[in-house]
């Protein structure tokens, strides 16, 4: 959690100092994209560690309802991720504004507020995705590899597929998380969904995966 808080602030200070003409709110929060990977790791380990050390059996003995166990875990971790996202975004914005001598970092519109406040919601949904993947894969290394490769590489590779790659790319969850709390020009999406559409794609992916993980959890032995 400390890393997730420090990375965005460091990036914000460096980018603000390096810019001679000021920078947008999105650029000052560029480090939030890297901190998102930390959230994925945190959320996945919260599930896979129980399988690694065998404590999942004790958990399910204490609470036989597997649906309640998984959804409560997802809810708690999502709440923590939301708080981390909000604290990191607002702290980074405040620190970046302190170092910005151009006066460019000002919240003037609803979109400006979304660029900062939106990260809490994005982080919460990313945490739900990571919990679901962790429950499905169960192994820490496997879950972390899948999540990080998916978010950092696979979606970008899909965008370069000839003819239809861009059409798929604009509908992918991590891309839409960036679109909700970011700028379409940075993602390379030429025909982005609406702001609520992007949030819907990310949320839909999170809860579909959590639903699949719940069904699988009921069918497999702990």
Foldseek 3Di string as FASTA:
>chain_A
DVCLQPQLLVQLLVVQVPDPQGDALQNSRVSNLVSLLVLLLVLLCLQLVCLVVVVVVVVCVVPVQLLCVLVVSLVVSLQVQLVSLLNSLVVSLVSSCVSHPNPNSDPDDPLSVQLRNVRSLLSSLSSLQSSLLSLVVSHSVVSSVVSCCVLPPPLVVLCPDPPCSLVVSLLDQNLLSCVLNHDCVVSVRPDHDDNVSSSCSSNVSSVVSSVVSSVVPVVDDD
